[in-house]
Protein backbone atom coordinates (compact mmCIF):
# COMPACT_ATOMS: atom_id res chain seq x y z
CA UNK A 1 84.34 -28.29 78.52
CA UNK A 2 81.61 -27.58 81.04
CA UNK A 3 81.93 -29.87 83.01
CA UNK A 4 85.79 -29.79 83.36
CA UNK A 5 84.92 -25.83 84.45
CA UNK A 6 82.66 -27.05 87.33
CA UNK A 7 85.20 -29.86 88.60
CA UNK A 8 87.73 -27.23 88.01
CA UNK A 9 86.28 -24.30 90.48
CA UNK A 10 85.06 -27.39 93.17
CA UNK A 11 89.34 -27.97 92.94
CA UNK A 12 89.76 -23.98 93.31
CA UNK A 13 87.34 -24.26 95.94
CA UNK A 14 89.18 -26.84 98.12
CA UNK A 15 92.29 -24.53 96.64
CA UNK A 16 91.06 -21.43 99.04
CA UNK A 17 90.30 -24.34 102.06
CA UNK A 18 94.00 -24.67 101.89
CA UNK A 19 94.82 -20.89 101.56
CA UNK A 20 92.53 -20.59 104.77
CA UNK A 21 93.67 -23.78 106.44
CA UNK A 22 97.32 -21.16 106.46
CA UNK A 23 98.92 -24.05 103.84
CA UNK A 24 99.83 -23.06 99.66
CA UNK A 25 96.29 -22.38 98.09
CA UNK A 26 96.16 -25.63 95.87
CA UNK A 27 93.79 -28.26 95.45
CA UNK A 28 92.68 -31.22 94.18
CA UNK A 29 90.03 -33.72 93.06
CA UNK A 30 89.16 -37.14 91.65
CA UNK A 31 86.13 -37.80 89.40
CA UNK A 32 84.89 -41.09 88.31
CA UNK A 33 83.67 -42.00 85.27
CA UNK A 34 79.96 -42.08 86.41
CA UNK A 35 81.06 -37.75 87.63
CA UNK A 36 80.82 -38.41 91.08
CA UNK A 37 83.51 -36.89 93.11
CA UNK A 38 85.31 -39.48 94.63
CA UNK A 39 87.72 -37.23 97.27
CA UNK A 40 88.80 -34.23 97.35
CA UNK A 41 92.58 -32.97 98.95
CA UNK A 42 94.12 -29.76 99.77
CA UNK A 43 97.86 -28.63 99.68
CA UNK A 44 98.89 -29.05 103.51
CA UNK A 45 102.69 -28.33 103.14
CA UNK A 46 102.66 -25.72 105.75
CA UNK A 47 100.48 -27.64 108.32
CA UNK A 48 102.05 -30.71 107.83
CA UNK A 49 105.49 -29.44 107.87
CA UNK A 50 106.23 -31.83 104.67
CA UNK A 51 107.33 -30.15 101.67
CA UNK A 52 105.65 -33.13 99.40
CA UNK A 53 102.08 -32.56 100.89
CA UNK A 54 101.00 -30.49 98.03
CA UNK A 55 97.04 -31.35 97.12
CA UNK A 56 97.43 -33.52 94.20
CA UNK A 57 100.19 -35.88 96.11
CA UNK A 58 97.80 -35.96 99.07
CA UNK A 59 94.90 -36.92 97.05
CA UNK A 60 96.72 -39.47 95.29
CA UNK A 61 97.95 -41.30 98.50
CA UNK A 62 94.18 -41.33 99.64
CA UNK A 63 92.69 -42.38 96.37
CA UNK A 64 96.08 -45.02 96.32
CA UNK A 65 94.69 -46.60 99.76
CA UNK A 66 90.82 -46.76 98.42
CA UNK A 67 91.00 -47.60 95.09
CA UNK A 68 92.75 -50.19 93.00
CA UNK A 69 95.25 -49.28 90.48
CA UNK A 70 92.44 -50.61 87.44
CA UNK A 71 89.83 -48.07 89.42
CA UNK A 72 92.00 -45.07 89.00
CA UNK A 73 93.00 -45.70 85.54
CA UNK A 74 89.44 -44.59 84.53
CA UNK A 75 89.16 -41.51 86.81
CA UNK A 76 90.37 -37.91 86.38
CA UNK A 77 92.29 -36.35 88.50
CA UNK A 78 91.36 -32.13 88.46
CA UNK A 79 93.59 -29.74 89.73
CA UNK A 80 93.14 -25.75 90.49
CA UNK A 81 96.75 -25.91 89.27
CA UNK A 82 99.38 -27.74 86.73
CA UNK A 83 100.87 -30.52 88.74
CA UNK A 84 104.54 -29.97 89.35
CA UNK A 85 106.57 -32.60 88.48
CA UNK A 86 106.44 -34.93 91.37
CA UNK A 87 102.57 -34.93 91.56
CA UNK A 88 102.59 -35.46 87.81
CA UNK A 89 105.18 -38.27 88.18
CA UNK A 90 102.87 -39.65 91.36
CA UNK A 91 99.78 -39.44 88.95
CA UNK A 92 101.16 -41.76 86.40
CA UNK A 93 102.70 -44.27 89.52
CA UNK A 94 98.91 -44.13 90.52
CA UNK A 95 97.65 -44.70 86.85
CA UNK A 96 96.12 -41.72 86.45
CA UNK A 97 95.26 -41.46 82.75
CA UNK A 98 93.61 -37.98 82.60
CA UNK A 99 94.38 -34.85 83.98
CA UNK A 100 92.64 -31.71 83.77
CA UNK A 101 94.09 -28.39 85.58
CA UNK A 102 93.25 -24.59 86.02
CA UNK A 103 96.32 -22.49 86.59
CA UNK A 104 99.56 -22.62 84.19
CA UNK A 105 102.51 -23.59 85.57
CA UNK A 106 104.08 -19.83 83.29
CA UNK A 107 101.21 -17.96 85.27
CA UNK A 108 101.49 -19.84 88.29
CA UNK A 109 105.39 -18.43 88.39
CA UNK A 110 104.49 -15.05 87.58
CA UNK A 111 102.79 -15.24 91.17
CA UNK A 112 106.14 -16.27 92.60
CA UNK A 113 108.67 -15.98 91.08
CA UNK A 114 112.13 -18.62 90.80
CA UNK A 115 113.15 -18.59 94.49
CA UNK A 116 111.76 -18.81 97.77
CA UNK A 117 109.43 -21.60 99.22
CA UNK A 118 107.20 -22.23 96.04
CA UNK A 119 109.85 -22.62 93.91
CA UNK A 120 109.97 -25.66 91.64
CA UNK A 121 111.23 -27.13 89.35
CA UNK A 122 110.31 -25.60 85.61
CA UNK A 123 109.20 -28.70 83.98
CA UNK A 124 105.95 -28.70 82.41
CA UNK A 125 103.75 -31.49 83.59
CA UNK A 126 103.59 -32.49 79.79
CA UNK A 127 107.15 -33.29 79.48
CA UNK A 128 106.99 -36.03 82.54
CA UNK A 129 103.19 -36.84 81.09
CA UNK A 130 104.89 -38.00 77.28
CA UNK A 131 107.67 -40.58 78.88
CA UNK A 132 104.75 -42.45 80.87
CA UNK A 133 104.20 -46.12 79.74
CA UNK A 134 100.31 -45.57 78.82
CA UNK A 135 99.02 -42.45 77.38
CA UNK A 136 97.81 -39.24 79.77
CA UNK A 137 95.41 -37.23 78.60
CA UNK A 138 96.06 -33.55 79.61
CA UNK A 139 93.67 -30.49 79.54
CA UNK A 140 94.83 -27.13 80.40
CA UNK A 141 95.22 -24.52 81.33
CA UNK A 142 91.96 -24.02 81.76
CA UNK A 143 89.75 -20.61 83.61
CA UNK A 144 93.35 -19.23 84.56
CA UNK A 145 92.02 -16.05 85.53
CA UNK A 146 89.72 -17.62 88.70
CA UNK A 147 92.31 -20.06 89.03
CA UNK A 148 94.99 -17.30 90.16
CA UNK A 149 92.33 -15.84 92.34
CA UNK A 150 93.84 -18.08 95.63
CA UNK A 151 97.16 -17.07 94.81
CA UNK A 152 96.66 -13.49 94.61
CA UNK A 153 98.52 -11.35 97.44
CA UNK A 154 99.21 -14.90 99.20
CA UNK A 155 102.99 -15.00 97.56
């Protein structure tokens, strides 16, 4: 669990960077089985003017260009918040089989509500992952109080 906490804190740091860059406060990192951080990505929805530029999707685009699906199957995606349905589905298509997230969707919605620029489908990531063609190990929510910090006074 301590290992997860360390990587989640790094994803939260990336989320803070996204906020500092004028984007929504979400971050993601990709870690291999040796514990090396392979990639980091922040949300760039505002700066890219792209509603699909979520941190996890940005990370998966980078990862898919650099690593094979066999390599990605052995990696863990750490996200500062629970992946939305789009990002969870992209993780499945990218062959990611382990995901750890900080802020859960229920508490995230307490930050911004059901409307506006942050509204998304209220479908927990585990609902997506249970239909994956292979098992996806999911851990979270973890460190929710820390993972909430980048969202305070943002939405």
